[in-house]
Amino acid sequence: MKHDGYYYVVNPYALEWKNDHYYLIGFSLKHQKIAHFRVDRLTSIENLETCFMPIEGFDVASYTNKMVDMFTSESSKEVTLLCENELMRIIIDHYGEDAPVERYDDAHFTAKIEVNPSGTFYGWIFKFKGKIKILSPKECITEMQQIARQFI
């Protein structure tokens, strides 16, 4: 077991299906913030007789859309992507129909997404083999370039 079988107390907000797994999303007393846990990895679950107040305005879709494969980094950033037109369905499927997109030229569009720029996010970009590029912020471009250099 991870963390020597540490006993987590979570105020549950939602159960979300993502990437072929169910995730329990809730307020973690240990982390003092919203966290997510794969349901198939939970053991010894108990229902406690406690009450809690959900965070006002918490939006499950917004929370999960910032994740790539449900991995997170410390903070989210607004990232602008340059995408080939054929990938519009991918962006909509992953970030929702409300994802702000704009025409860039005849072959491309831009998408402004809120993400936690983790290694998994950069790996997601790599899998499109140059059909998606990061336009901003600069620190995400730099991080992507540093990762790419490790493979050459």
N, C-alpha and C. Protein backbone atom coordinates (compact mmCIF):
# COMPACT_ATOMS: atom_id res chain seq x y z
N MET A 1 0.83 -1.19 0.00
CA MET A 1 0.00 0.00 0.00
C MET A 1 0.88 1.25 0.00
N LYS A 2 0.38 2.28 -0.66
CA LYS A 2 1.12 3.54 -0.69
C LYS A 2 1.03 4.23 0.67
N HIS A 3 2.07 4.96 0.99
CA HIS A 3 2.12 5.77 2.21
C HIS A 3 1.86 4.94 3.47
N ASP A 4 2.38 3.71 3.47
CA ASP A 4 2.26 2.80 4.61
C ASP A 4 0.81 2.62 5.08
N GLY A 5 -0.12 2.61 4.14
CA GLY A 5 -1.52 2.39 4.48
C GLY A 5 -2.17 3.56 5.19
N TYR A 6 -1.68 4.76 4.96
CA TYR A 6 -2.23 5.96 5.59
C TYR A 6 -3.75 6.00 5.42
N TYR A 7 -4.45 6.37 6.46
CA TYR A 7 -5.90 6.43 6.47
C TYR A 7 -6.34 7.84 6.05
N TYR A 8 -6.91 7.97 4.86
CA TYR A 8 -7.36 9.25 4.34
C TYR A 8 -8.81 9.51 4.72
N VAL A 9 -9.10 10.75 5.03
CA VAL A 9 -10.48 11.17 5.23
C VAL A 9 -10.80 12.15 4.10
N VAL A 10 -11.84 11.81 3.34
CA VAL A 10 -12.21 12.61 2.17
C VAL A 10 -13.69 12.92 2.23
N ASN A 11 -14.03 14.19 2.03
CA ASN A 11 -15.42 14.59 1.88
C ASN A 11 -15.76 14.45 0.40
N PRO A 12 -16.57 13.46 0.03
CA PRO A 12 -16.79 13.17 -1.39
C PRO A 12 -17.66 14.21 -2.09
N TYR A 13 -17.24 14.60 -3.29
CA TYR A 13 -18.00 15.54 -4.12
C TYR A 13 -18.58 14.85 -5.34
N ALA A 14 -17.79 13.97 -5.95
CA ALA A 14 -18.24 13.37 -7.20
C ALA A 14 -17.49 12.08 -7.47
N LEU A 15 -18.10 11.28 -8.32
CA LEU A 15 -17.47 10.09 -8.85
C LEU A 15 -17.36 10.34 -10.35
N GLU A 16 -16.15 10.28 -10.89
CA GLU A 16 -15.91 10.66 -12.29
C GLU A 16 -15.26 9.50 -13.04
N TRP A 17 -15.76 9.22 -14.24
CA TRP A 17 -15.17 8.21 -15.12
C TRP A 17 -14.23 8.94 -16.06
N LYS A 18 -12.95 8.61 -16.03
CA LYS A 18 -11.98 9.24 -16.92
C LYS A 18 -10.87 8.24 -17.21
N ASN A 19 -10.51 8.13 -18.48
CA ASN A 19 -9.41 7.25 -18.90
C ASN A 19 -9.57 5.82 -18.40
N ASP A 20 -10.77 5.29 -18.54
CA ASP A 20 -11.08 3.90 -18.19
C ASP A 20 -11.01 3.58 -16.70
N HIS A 21 -11.15 4.60 -15.85
CA HIS A 21 -11.17 4.38 -14.40
C HIS A 21 -12.15 5.33 -13.75
N TYR A 22 -12.71 4.88 -12.63
CA TYR A 22 -13.52 5.77 -11.80
C TYR A 22 -12.60 6.46 -10.80
N TYR A 23 -12.86 7.74 -10.55
CA TYR A 23 -12.12 8.53 -9.57
C TYR A 23 -13.09 9.12 -8.57
N LEU A 24 -12.74 9.04 -7.30
CA LEU A 24 -13.45 9.74 -6.25
C LEU A 24 -12.82 11.11 -6.14
N ILE A 25 -13.62 12.14 -6.31
CA ILE A 25 -13.14 13.52 -6.20
C ILE A 25 -13.77 14.12 -4.96
N GLY A 26 -12.93 14.70 -4.11
CA GLY A 26 -13.45 15.29 -2.89
C GLY A 26 -12.41 16.12 -2.17
N PHE A 27 -12.82 16.68 -1.06
CA PHE A 27 -11.92 17.49 -0.25
C PHE A 27 -11.14 16.56 0.67
N SER A 28 -9.82 16.55 0.52
CA SER A 28 -8.95 15.70 1.33
C SER A 28 -8.51 16.47 2.57
N LEU A 29 -8.80 15.92 3.75
CA LEU A 29 -8.38 16.59 4.97
C LEU A 29 -6.86 16.61 5.10
N LYS A 30 -6.19 15.57 4.60
CA LYS A 30 -4.73 15.54 4.66
C LYS A 30 -4.12 16.64 3.79
N HIS A 31 -4.62 16.78 2.57
CA HIS A 31 -4.05 17.74 1.61
C HIS A 31 -4.62 19.14 1.78
N GLN A 32 -5.77 19.24 2.46
CA GLN A 32 -6.48 20.51 2.64
C GLN A 32 -6.83 21.18 1.31
N LYS A 33 -7.22 20.34 0.37
CA LYS A 33 -7.67 20.83 -0.93
C LYS A 33 -8.41 19.69 -1.64
N ILE A 34 -8.97 20.02 -2.80
CA ILE A 34 -9.63 19.01 -3.62
C ILE A 34 -8.57 18.04 -4.13
N ALA A 35 -8.88 16.77 -4.07
CA ALA A 35 -7.97 15.72 -4.54
C ALA A 35 -8.81 14.64 -5.21
N HIS A 36 -8.14 13.75 -5.91
CA HIS A 36 -8.85 12.64 -6.54
C HIS A 36 -8.09 11.34 -6.29
N PHE A 37 -8.87 10.27 -6.20
CA PHE A 37 -8.33 8.95 -5.87
C PHE A 37 -8.98 7.92 -6.78
N ARG A 38 -8.18 7.03 -7.34
CA ARG A 38 -8.74 5.96 -8.17
C ARG A 38 -9.52 4.99 -7.30
N VAL A 39 -10.76 4.77 -7.66
CA VAL A 39 -11.65 3.95 -6.85
C VAL A 39 -11.17 2.51 -6.75
N ASP A 40 -10.63 1.95 -7.83
CA ASP A 40 -10.20 0.56 -7.80
C ASP A 40 -8.98 0.34 -6.90
N ARG A 41 -8.37 1.42 -6.43
CA ARG A 41 -7.22 1.30 -5.53
C ARG A 41 -7.56 1.61 -4.08
N LEU A 42 -8.82 1.90 -3.81
CA LEU A 42 -9.24 2.18 -2.44
C LEU A 42 -9.52 0.87 -1.70
N THR A 43 -9.14 0.83 -0.43
CA THR A 43 -9.43 -0.34 0.42
C THR A 43 -9.96 0.14 1.76
N SER A 44 -10.60 -0.74 2.47
CA SER A 44 -11.07 -0.46 3.84
C SER A 44 -11.85 0.84 3.93
N ILE A 45 -12.81 1.00 3.05
CA ILE A 45 -13.61 2.24 3.01
C ILE A 45 -14.64 2.20 4.13
N GLU A 46 -14.75 3.32 4.82
CA GLU A 46 -15.75 3.46 5.88
C GLU A 46 -16.56 4.71 5.64
N ASN A 47 -17.84 4.63 5.94
CA ASN A 47 -18.71 5.80 5.88
C ASN A 47 -18.73 6.41 7.28
N LEU A 48 -18.21 7.62 7.44
CA LEU A 48 -18.15 8.27 8.74
C LEU A 48 -19.40 9.12 8.96
N GLU A 49 -19.80 9.23 10.20
CA GLU A 49 -20.98 10.02 10.56
C GLU A 49 -20.57 11.47 10.80
N THR A 50 -20.13 12.13 9.75
CA THR A 50 -19.73 13.53 9.87
C THR A 50 -20.46 14.34 8.81
N CYS A 51 -20.46 15.61 9.00
CA CYS A 51 -21.07 16.52 8.03
C CYS A 51 -19.99 17.43 7.47
N PHE A 52 -20.18 17.86 6.26
CA PHE A 52 -19.25 18.81 5.66
C PHE A 52 -20.02 19.71 4.72
N MET A 53 -19.42 20.85 4.44
CA MET A 53 -20.01 21.80 3.50
C MET A 53 -19.16 21.78 2.23
N PRO A 54 -19.77 21.45 1.10
CA PRO A 54 -19.01 21.47 -0.15
C PRO A 54 -18.51 22.89 -0.45
N ILE A 55 -17.41 22.98 -1.16
CA ILE A 55 -16.89 24.27 -1.57
C ILE A 55 -17.88 24.88 -2.54
N GLU A 56 -18.31 26.09 -2.24
CA GLU A 56 -19.29 26.76 -3.08
C GLU A 56 -18.73 26.98 -4.48
N GLY A 57 -19.51 26.60 -5.48
CA GLY A 57 -19.11 26.82 -6.87
C GLY A 57 -18.15 25.79 -7.43
N PHE A 58 -17.84 24.74 -6.65
CA PHE A 58 -16.92 23.72 -7.18
C PHE A 58 -17.55 23.07 -8.39
N ASP A 59 -16.79 22.98 -9.48
CA ASP A 59 -17.27 22.44 -10.75
C ASP A 59 -16.42 21.22 -11.11
N VAL A 60 -17.02 20.05 -11.05
CA VAL A 60 -16.31 18.81 -11.33
C VAL A 60 -15.73 18.81 -12.74
N ALA A 61 -16.50 19.25 -13.73
CA ALA A 61 -16.02 19.25 -15.11
C ALA A 61 -14.80 20.15 -15.26
N SER A 62 -14.85 21.31 -14.64
CA SER A 62 -13.71 22.22 -14.71
C SER A 62 -12.48 21.60 -14.06
N TYR A 63 -12.67 20.95 -12.93
CA TYR A 63 -11.56 20.29 -12.22
C TYR A 63 -10.93 19.20 -13.09
N THR A 64 -11.75 18.33 -13.64
CA THR A 64 -11.19 17.21 -14.41
C THR A 64 -10.65 17.64 -15.76
N ASN A 65 -11.18 18.71 -16.34
CA ASN A 65 -10.67 19.17 -17.63
C ASN A 65 -9.27 19.75 -17.52
N LYS A 66 -8.84 20.11 -16.33
CA LYS A 66 -7.48 20.63 -16.13
C LYS A 66 -6.46 19.50 -16.05
N MET A 67 -6.95 18.30 -15.91
CA MET A 67 -6.08 17.14 -15.75
C MET A 67 -5.84 16.47 -17.09
N VAL A 68 -4.69 15.89 -17.22
CA VAL A 68 -4.41 15.00 -18.35
C VAL A 68 -4.11 13.65 -17.71
N ASP A 69 -4.92 12.67 -18.01
CA ASP A 69 -4.80 11.35 -17.40
C ASP A 69 -4.86 11.42 -15.88
N MET A 70 -5.55 12.42 -15.35
CA MET A 70 -5.78 12.62 -13.92
C MET A 70 -4.49 12.82 -13.13
N PHE A 71 -3.44 13.32 -13.77
CA PHE A 71 -2.22 13.70 -13.07
C PHE A 71 -2.22 15.21 -12.94
N THR A 72 -1.70 15.70 -11.83
CA THR A 72 -1.70 17.13 -11.59
C THR A 72 -0.31 17.62 -11.26
N SER A 73 -0.12 18.91 -11.42
CA SER A 73 1.06 19.57 -10.88
C SER A 73 0.56 20.54 -9.82
N GLU A 74 1.43 21.36 -9.30
CA GLU A 74 1.06 22.22 -8.18
C GLU A 74 0.03 23.29 -8.53
N SER A 75 0.09 23.84 -9.72
CA SER A 75 -0.86 24.92 -10.04
C SER A 75 -1.26 24.86 -11.50
N SER A 76 -2.42 25.42 -11.77
CA SER A 76 -2.88 25.43 -13.15
C SER A 76 -2.45 26.72 -13.83
N LYS A 77 -2.39 26.64 -15.15
CA LYS A 77 -2.01 27.78 -15.98
C LYS A 77 -2.92 27.81 -17.20
N GLU A 78 -3.12 29.03 -17.72
CA GLU A 78 -3.80 29.13 -19.00
C GLU A 78 -2.75 28.94 -20.09
N VAL A 79 -2.98 27.96 -20.93
CA VAL A 79 -2.05 27.62 -22.00
C VAL A 79 -2.77 27.82 -23.33
N THR A 80 -2.09 28.47 -24.26
CA THR A 80 -2.64 28.65 -25.60
C THR A 80 -1.97 27.64 -26.52
N LEU A 81 -2.79 26.85 -27.18
CA LEU A 81 -2.31 25.83 -28.10
C LEU A 81 -2.62 26.23 -29.54
N LEU A 82 -1.71 25.92 -30.43
CA LEU A 82 -1.94 26.05 -31.86
C LEU A 82 -2.20 24.64 -32.39
N CYS A 83 -3.36 24.44 -32.96
CA CYS A 83 -3.77 23.09 -33.36
C CYS A 83 -4.15 23.05 -34.83
N GLU A 84 -3.83 21.93 -35.48
CA GLU A 84 -4.31 21.73 -36.84
C GLU A 84 -5.82 21.49 -36.78
N ASN A 85 -6.53 21.97 -37.79
CA ASN A 85 -7.99 21.91 -37.79
C ASN A 85 -8.55 20.51 -37.56
N GLU A 86 -7.86 19.50 -38.04
CA GLU A 86 -8.37 18.13 -37.89
C GLU A 86 -8.47 17.69 -36.43
N LEU A 87 -7.87 18.46 -35.51
CA LEU A 87 -7.87 18.08 -34.10
C LEU A 87 -8.94 18.80 -33.27
N MET A 88 -9.85 19.51 -33.94
CA MET A 88 -10.90 20.21 -33.20
C MET A 88 -11.70 19.24 -32.32
N ARG A 89 -12.06 18.08 -32.85
CA ARG A 89 -12.84 17.11 -32.07
C ARG A 89 -12.06 16.67 -30.84
N ILE A 90 -10.74 16.51 -30.95
CA ILE A 90 -9.91 16.10 -29.81
C ILE A 90 -9.99 17.15 -28.70
N ILE A 91 -9.86 18.43 -29.07
CA ILE A 91 -9.91 19.51 -28.08
C ILE A 91 -11.29 19.56 -27.43
N ILE A 92 -12.34 19.46 -28.22
CA ILE A 92 -13.70 19.48 -27.67
C ILE A 92 -13.94 18.29 -26.76
N ASP A 93 -13.52 17.10 -27.19
CA ASP A 93 -13.70 15.91 -26.36
C ASP A 93 -12.96 16.02 -25.04
N HIS A 94 -11.77 16.62 -25.09
CA HIS A 94 -10.93 16.66 -23.89
C HIS A 94 -11.25 17.85 -22.99
N TYR A 95 -11.55 19.00 -23.58
CA TYR A 95 -11.73 20.23 -22.79
C TYR A 95 -13.14 20.79 -22.84
N GLY A 96 -14.03 20.14 -23.54
CA GLY A 96 -15.43 20.55 -23.54
C GLY A 96 -15.78 21.51 -24.67
N GLU A 97 -17.07 21.59 -24.93
CA GLU A 97 -17.56 22.44 -26.01
C GLU A 97 -17.38 23.92 -25.71
N ASP A 98 -17.16 24.26 -24.45
CA ASP A 98 -16.98 25.66 -24.07
C ASP A 98 -15.52 26.10 -24.13
N ALA A 99 -14.63 25.21 -24.53
CA ALA A 99 -13.21 25.59 -24.62
C ALA A 99 -13.09 26.74 -25.61
N PRO A 100 -12.45 27.84 -25.19
CA PRO A 100 -12.33 28.99 -26.11
C PRO A 100 -11.36 28.69 -27.26
N VAL A 101 -11.91 28.65 -28.45
CA VAL A 101 -11.10 28.41 -29.65
C VAL A 101 -11.33 29.55 -30.63
N GLU A 102 -10.29 29.84 -31.42
CA GLU A 102 -10.38 30.88 -32.45
C GLU A 102 -9.66 30.41 -33.70
N ARG A 103 -10.16 30.85 -34.82
CA ARG A 103 -9.50 30.56 -36.09
C ARG A 103 -8.14 31.26 -36.09
N TYR A 104 -7.12 30.56 -36.52
CA TYR A 104 -5.76 31.12 -36.61
C TYR A 104 -5.41 31.42 -38.06
N ASP A 105 -5.59 30.42 -38.91
CA ASP A 105 -5.44 30.57 -40.36
C ASP A 105 -6.26 29.46 -41.00
N ASP A 106 -6.11 29.25 -42.29
CA ASP A 106 -6.94 28.25 -42.97
C ASP A 106 -6.71 26.82 -42.47
N ALA A 107 -5.56 26.56 -41.89
CA ALA A 107 -5.22 25.19 -41.49
C ALA A 107 -5.18 24.99 -39.98
N HIS A 108 -5.30 26.07 -39.19
CA HIS A 108 -5.10 25.98 -37.74
C HIS A 108 -6.13 26.79 -36.95
N PHE A 109 -6.27 26.41 -35.69
CA PHE A 109 -7.03 27.20 -34.73
C PHE A 109 -6.23 27.26 -33.44
N THR A 110 -6.57 28.20 -32.59
CA THR A 110 -5.95 28.25 -31.26
C THR A 110 -7.00 27.85 -30.23
N ALA A 111 -6.52 27.27 -29.15
CA ALA A 111 -7.38 26.90 -28.02
C ALA A 111 -6.70 27.39 -26.75
N LYS A 112 -7.46 28.09 -25.91
CA LYS A 112 -6.95 28.52 -24.60
C LYS A 112 -7.55 27.57 -23.57
N ILE A 113 -6.67 26.84 -22.91
CA ILE A 113 -7.12 25.84 -21.96
C ILE A 113 -6.47 26.09 -20.61
N GLU A 114 -7.15 25.70 -19.57
CA GLU A 114 -6.60 25.78 -18.22
C GLU A 114 -6.14 24.37 -17.87
N VAL A 115 -4.83 24.22 -17.65
CA VAL A 115 -4.27 22.90 -17.36
C VAL A 115 -3.27 22.97 -16.22
N ASN A 116 -3.01 21.83 -15.65
CA ASN A 116 -1.89 21.67 -14.74
C ASN A 116 -0.76 21.11 -15.58
N PRO A 117 0.24 21.95 -15.88
CA PRO A 117 1.29 21.50 -16.82
C PRO A 117 2.26 20.50 -16.19
N SER A 118 1.86 19.26 -16.20
CA SER A 118 2.68 18.17 -15.68
C SER A 118 3.34 17.45 -16.83
N GLY A 119 4.21 16.51 -16.52
CA GLY A 119 4.85 15.70 -17.56
C GLY A 119 3.82 15.00 -18.42
N THR A 120 2.71 14.62 -17.83
CA THR A 120 1.67 13.94 -18.57
C THR A 120 1.04 14.87 -19.60
N PHE A 121 0.88 16.15 -19.25
CA PHE A 121 0.36 17.13 -20.21
C PHE A 121 1.29 17.25 -21.41
N TYR A 122 2.60 17.37 -21.15
CA TYR A 122 3.55 17.50 -22.25
C TYR A 122 3.58 16.22 -23.09
N GLY A 123 3.45 15.07 -22.46
CA GLY A 123 3.37 13.81 -23.20
C GLY A 123 2.15 13.76 -24.09
N TRP A 124 1.04 14.32 -23.60
CA TRP A 124 -0.19 14.38 -24.39
C TRP A 124 0.05 15.21 -25.64
N ILE A 125 0.75 16.35 -25.51
CA ILE A 125 1.08 17.20 -26.66
C ILE A 125 1.97 16.43 -27.64
N PHE A 126 2.99 15.74 -27.11
CA PHE A 126 3.92 15.00 -27.97
C PHE A 126 3.21 13.96 -28.83
N LYS A 127 2.18 13.34 -28.31
CA LYS A 127 1.55 12.26 -29.06
C LYS A 127 0.92 12.72 -30.37
N PHE A 128 0.74 14.02 -30.55
CA PHE A 128 0.17 14.53 -31.80
C PHE A 128 1.23 14.89 -32.83
N LYS A 129 2.49 14.61 -32.53
CA LYS A 129 3.60 14.71 -33.48
C LYS A 129 3.64 16.05 -34.22
N GLY A 130 3.55 17.14 -33.45
CA GLY A 130 3.67 18.47 -34.03
C GLY A 130 2.37 19.07 -34.52
N LYS A 131 1.28 18.34 -34.45
CA LYS A 131 -0.01 18.90 -34.89
C LYS A 131 -0.62 19.82 -33.84
N ILE A 132 -0.08 19.77 -32.62
CA ILE A 132 -0.44 20.71 -31.55
C ILE A 132 0.87 21.30 -31.05
N LYS A 133 0.91 22.62 -30.95
CA LYS A 133 2.08 23.32 -30.43
C LYS A 133 1.63 24.28 -29.33
N ILE A 134 2.51 24.53 -28.39
CA ILE A 134 2.23 25.48 -27.32
C ILE A 134 2.67 26.87 -27.79
N LEU A 135 1.75 27.84 -27.74
CA LEU A 135 2.07 29.22 -28.10
C LEU A 135 2.42 30.06 -26.87
N SER A 136 1.80 29.76 -25.74
CA SER A 136 2.08 30.48 -24.50
C SER A 136 1.54 29.67 -23.34
N PRO A 137 2.04 29.91 -22.13
CA PRO A 137 3.04 30.88 -21.71
C PRO A 137 4.46 30.40 -22.01
N LYS A 138 5.39 31.31 -21.93
CA LYS A 138 6.79 31.04 -22.29
C LYS A 138 7.36 29.89 -21.46
N GLU A 139 7.02 29.84 -20.15
CA GLU A 139 7.61 28.77 -19.32
C GLU A 139 7.16 27.38 -19.76
N CYS A 140 5.96 27.27 -20.32
CA CYS A 140 5.51 25.97 -20.83
C CYS A 140 6.23 25.62 -22.13
N ILE A 141 6.48 26.62 -22.97
CA ILE A 141 7.25 26.38 -24.20
C ILE A 141 8.65 25.90 -23.83
N THR A 142 9.28 26.58 -22.88
CA THR A 142 10.64 26.23 -22.44
C THR A 142 10.68 24.82 -21.88
N GLU A 143 9.71 24.48 -21.06
CA GLU A 143 9.64 23.13 -20.47
C GLU A 143 9.49 22.07 -21.56
N MET A 144 8.63 22.35 -22.54
CA MET A 144 8.43 21.41 -23.66
C MET A 144 9.72 21.22 -24.44
N GLN A 145 10.46 22.31 -24.68
CA GLN A 145 11.72 22.23 -25.41
C GLN A 145 12.75 21.42 -24.62
N GLN A 146 12.80 21.62 -23.31
CA GLN A 146 13.76 20.87 -22.47
C GLN A 146 13.44 19.38 -22.49
N ILE A 147 12.19 19.04 -22.44
CA ILE A 147 11.80 17.63 -22.49
C ILE A 147 12.18 17.04 -23.85
N ALA A 148 11.90 17.78 -24.92
CA ALA A 148 12.20 17.28 -26.27
C ALA A 148 13.70 17.03 -26.44
N ARG A 149 14.53 17.89 -25.89
CA ARG A 149 15.99 17.73 -26.02
C ARG A 149 16.47 16.43 -25.38
N GLN A 150 15.79 15.96 -24.38
CA GLN A 150 16.20 14.72 -23.71
C GLN A 150 16.04 13.50 -24.61
N PHE A 151 15.27 13.62 -25.67
CA PHE A 151 15.03 12.50 -26.56
C PHE A 151 15.91 12.51 -27.79
N ILE A 152 16.73 13.54 -27.94
CA ILE A 152 17.58 13.65 -29.14
C ILE A 152 18.98 13.17 -28.82
